[in-house]
Each structure stands twice: as structure tokens, then as C-alpha cells.
Amino acid sequence: MKDPIVEEVRAIRDEIAGESSYDIDAIFEMLRLSAARSGRAHTSPVPPQVERPGYAAQQANSADRDPRTL
């Protein structure tokens, strides 16, 4: 079963890649220039902060393990 939206996205992807002779570095340079010319702010999402267990929690976890099963 062919999805027309998927087919359209693939055709556009092939057209963009063809403009850069399928050179990945040239494709990314083209995308970088396009983003710079757009005048819009581009940001990356801030990664979530993950609390790391303290030393005591690590010791408790390692003490619970049976060394014969490692």
C-alpha cells in the first residue's frame, strides 16, 4: 500500500539530496545556510536534569549484590 504523503516526502528528500549531489556535507551546509537566512531563532531543547544517586546509595546497591552472580 502506497501512502501519498510518504511518497511526497521521499520525492522532496530525493530532490534536496540531488541538488547537493548526494553529498552529506553539502546537504548539511545547505540546511545550515537556509536556517541562517530564515531569520528565525533556532534552539535545541534543554536536556532534562537527572539526579544521580549519592555515594551511599551506590554502596547500598553494590552491597545488595551477591558477588557470585556477577
N, C-alpha and C. Protein backbone atom coordinates (compact mmCIF):
# COMPACT_ATOMS: atom_id res chain seq x y z
N MET A 1 0.84 -1.17 0.00
CA MET A 1 0.00 0.00 0.00
C MET A 1 0.89 1.24 0.00
N LYS A 2 0.67 2.13 -0.94
CA LYS A 2 1.47 3.35 -1.03
C LYS A 2 0.73 4.49 -0.36
N ASP A 3 1.47 5.20 0.48
CA ASP A 3 0.93 6.37 1.16
C ASP A 3 1.37 7.60 0.38
N PRO A 4 0.44 8.43 -0.11
CA PRO A 4 0.83 9.58 -0.91
C PRO A 4 1.69 10.59 -0.15
N ILE A 5 1.47 10.72 1.14
CA ILE A 5 2.28 11.65 1.93
C ILE A 5 3.71 11.15 2.04
N VAL A 6 3.88 9.86 2.30
CA VAL A 6 5.22 9.29 2.38
C VAL A 6 5.92 9.42 1.04
N GLU A 7 5.20 9.16 -0.05
CA GLU A 7 5.79 9.29 -1.39
C GLU A 7 6.23 10.72 -1.66
N GLU A 8 5.42 11.70 -1.25
CA GLU A 8 5.77 13.10 -1.45
C GLU A 8 7.01 13.49 -0.64
N VAL A 9 7.07 13.05 0.61
CA VAL A 9 8.23 13.34 1.46
C VAL A 9 9.50 12.72 0.85
N ARG A 10 9.39 11.51 0.38
CA ARG A 10 10.55 10.85 -0.24
C ARG A 10 10.99 11.56 -1.51
N ALA A 11 10.04 12.05 -2.30
CA ALA A 11 10.39 12.78 -3.52
C ALA A 11 11.10 14.08 -3.18
N ILE A 12 10.62 14.79 -2.18
CA ILE A 12 11.26 16.04 -1.76
C ILE A 12 12.66 15.75 -1.22
N ARG A 13 12.79 14.70 -0.42
CA ARG A 13 14.10 14.32 0.11
C ARG A 13 15.07 14.01 -1.02
N ASP A 14 14.61 13.30 -2.03
CA ASP A 14 15.46 12.96 -3.16
C ASP A 14 15.85 14.21 -3.96
N GLU A 15 14.92 15.14 -4.08
CA GLU A 15 15.21 16.39 -4.80
C GLU A 15 16.27 17.20 -4.07
N ILE A 16 16.12 17.33 -2.75
CA ILE A 16 17.11 18.08 -1.95
C ILE A 16 18.47 17.41 -2.02
N ALA A 17 18.52 16.11 -1.88
CA ALA A 17 19.79 15.38 -1.95
C ALA A 17 20.41 15.52 -3.33
N GLY A 18 19.59 15.49 -4.38
CA GLY A 18 20.09 15.62 -5.74
C GLY A 18 20.72 16.98 -6.00
N GLU A 19 20.16 18.03 -5.39
CA GLU A 19 20.72 19.37 -5.54
C GLU A 19 22.13 19.45 -4.98
N SER A 20 22.46 18.58 -4.04
CA SER A 20 23.78 18.57 -3.41
C SER A 20 24.61 17.38 -3.86
N SER A 21 24.22 16.77 -4.96
CA SER A 21 24.92 15.60 -5.50
C SER A 21 25.04 14.47 -4.48
N TYR A 22 24.06 14.36 -3.61
CA TYR A 22 24.00 13.32 -2.58
C TYR A 22 25.21 13.34 -1.65
N ASP A 23 25.84 14.53 -1.51
CA ASP A 23 26.99 14.72 -0.62
C ASP A 23 26.45 15.19 0.73
N ILE A 24 26.60 14.37 1.76
CA ILE A 24 26.01 14.68 3.07
C ILE A 24 26.54 15.99 3.65
N ASP A 25 27.83 16.28 3.44
CA ASP A 25 28.39 17.53 3.94
C ASP A 25 27.75 18.72 3.24
N ALA A 26 27.54 18.60 1.93
CA ALA A 26 26.92 19.68 1.17
C ALA A 26 25.45 19.85 1.58
N ILE A 27 24.77 18.75 1.87
CA ILE A 27 23.38 18.82 2.31
C ILE A 27 23.28 19.58 3.62
N PHE A 28 24.14 19.25 4.58
CA PHE A 28 24.09 19.94 5.87
C PHE A 28 24.50 21.40 5.74
N GLU A 29 25.44 21.72 4.86
CA GLU A 29 25.82 23.12 4.64
C GLU A 29 24.63 23.89 4.06
N MET A 30 23.92 23.28 3.11
CA MET A 30 22.75 23.91 2.52
C MET A 30 21.68 24.14 3.60
N LEU A 31 21.46 23.17 4.46
CA LEU A 31 20.48 23.32 5.54
C LEU A 31 20.90 24.40 6.53
N ARG A 32 22.21 24.46 6.85
CA ARG A 32 22.71 25.48 7.77
C ARG A 32 22.49 26.88 7.19
N LEU A 33 22.81 27.06 5.91
CA LEU A 33 22.62 28.36 5.26
C LEU A 33 21.15 28.73 5.19
N SER A 34 20.31 27.76 4.90
CA SER A 34 18.88 28.00 4.84
C SER A 34 18.34 28.45 6.19
N ALA A 35 18.81 27.82 7.25
CA ALA A 35 18.37 28.20 8.61
C ALA A 35 18.85 29.60 8.94
N ALA A 36 20.09 29.94 8.55
CA ALA A 36 20.64 31.27 8.84
C ALA A 36 19.86 32.35 8.08
N ARG A 37 19.49 32.06 6.82
CA ARG A 37 18.75 33.04 6.01
C ARG A 37 17.32 33.22 6.46
N SER A 38 16.77 32.25 7.17
CA SER A 38 15.36 32.33 7.54
C SER A 38 15.09 33.46 8.54
N GLY A 39 16.11 33.83 9.31
CA GLY A 39 15.92 34.89 10.29
C GLY A 39 15.20 34.43 11.55
N ARG A 40 14.83 33.17 11.61
CA ARG A 40 14.14 32.65 12.79
C ARG A 40 15.17 32.14 13.80
N ALA A 41 14.80 32.20 15.05
CA ALA A 41 15.68 31.68 16.10
C ALA A 41 15.57 30.16 16.12
N HIS A 42 16.70 29.49 16.14
CA HIS A 42 16.72 28.03 16.21
C HIS A 42 17.37 27.63 17.52
N THR A 43 16.68 26.84 18.29
CA THR A 43 17.21 26.40 19.57
C THR A 43 17.08 24.90 19.70
N SER A 44 17.85 24.36 20.60
CA SER A 44 17.74 22.94 20.93
C SER A 44 17.06 22.83 22.28
N PRO A 45 16.26 21.80 22.47
CA PRO A 45 15.63 21.64 23.77
C PRO A 45 16.68 21.36 24.84
N VAL A 46 16.42 21.85 26.03
CA VAL A 46 17.31 21.62 27.15
C VAL A 46 17.11 20.19 27.64
N PRO A 47 18.19 19.42 27.76
CA PRO A 47 18.01 18.05 28.23
C PRO A 47 17.52 18.04 29.68
N PRO A 48 16.72 17.06 30.04
CA PRO A 48 16.22 17.01 31.41
C PRO A 48 17.36 16.76 32.40
N GLN A 49 17.22 17.33 33.56
CA GLN A 49 18.21 17.12 34.61
C GLN A 49 17.87 15.82 35.33
N VAL A 50 18.85 14.96 35.42
CA VAL A 50 18.66 13.67 36.07
C VAL A 50 19.48 13.66 37.34
N GLU A 51 18.83 13.39 38.44
CA GLU A 51 19.55 13.32 39.70
C GLU A 51 20.29 12.01 39.79
N ARG A 52 21.54 12.08 40.14
CA ARG A 52 22.34 10.88 40.26
C ARG A 52 22.33 10.43 41.72
N PRO A 53 22.27 9.14 41.95
CA PRO A 53 22.28 8.68 43.34
C PRO A 53 23.61 9.03 44.00
N GLY A 54 23.55 9.33 45.27
CA GLY A 54 24.75 9.66 46.02
C GLY A 54 25.62 8.43 46.27
N TYR A 55 26.77 8.66 46.85
CA TYR A 55 27.73 7.58 47.11
C TYR A 55 27.12 6.52 48.02
N ALA A 56 26.35 6.93 49.01
CA ALA A 56 25.76 5.97 49.96
C ALA A 56 24.78 5.04 49.23
N ALA A 57 24.00 5.60 48.30
CA ALA A 57 23.05 4.76 47.57
C ALA A 57 23.80 3.77 46.68
N GLN A 58 24.91 4.20 46.09
CA GLN A 58 25.70 3.29 45.26
C GLN A 58 26.28 2.17 46.10
N GLN A 59 26.75 2.47 47.29
CA GLN A 59 27.32 1.46 48.17
C GLN A 59 26.25 0.48 48.61
N ALA A 60 25.06 0.99 48.92
CA ALA A 60 23.97 0.11 49.35
C ALA A 60 23.58 -0.84 48.23
N ASN A 61 23.53 -0.33 47.00
CA ASN A 61 23.18 -1.19 45.86
C ASN A 61 24.24 -2.24 45.63
N SER A 62 25.51 -1.88 45.72
CA SER A 62 26.57 -2.85 45.47
C SER A 62 26.65 -3.88 46.60
N ALA A 63 26.28 -3.48 47.82
CA ALA A 63 26.31 -4.42 48.95
C ALA A 63 25.19 -5.45 48.84
N ASP A 64 24.12 -5.07 48.15
CA ASP A 64 22.99 -5.99 47.99
C ASP A 64 23.26 -7.09 46.97
N ARG A 65 24.24 -6.89 46.13
CA ARG A 65 24.54 -7.86 45.08
C ARG A 65 25.38 -9.01 45.62
N ASP A 66 25.06 -10.19 45.15
CA ASP A 66 25.84 -11.36 45.51
C ASP A 66 27.00 -11.45 44.51
N PRO A 67 28.25 -11.35 44.96
CA PRO A 67 29.39 -11.36 44.03
C PRO A 67 29.48 -12.64 43.21
N ARG A 68 28.87 -13.72 43.68
CA ARG A 68 28.91 -14.99 42.92
C ARG A 68 28.04 -14.95 41.68
N THR A 69 27.09 -13.97 41.62
CA THR A 69 26.19 -13.89 40.47
C THR A 69 26.65 -12.86 39.45
N LEU A 70 27.72 -12.15 39.72
CA LEU A 70 28.18 -11.11 38.78
C LEU A 70 28.92 -11.70 37.62
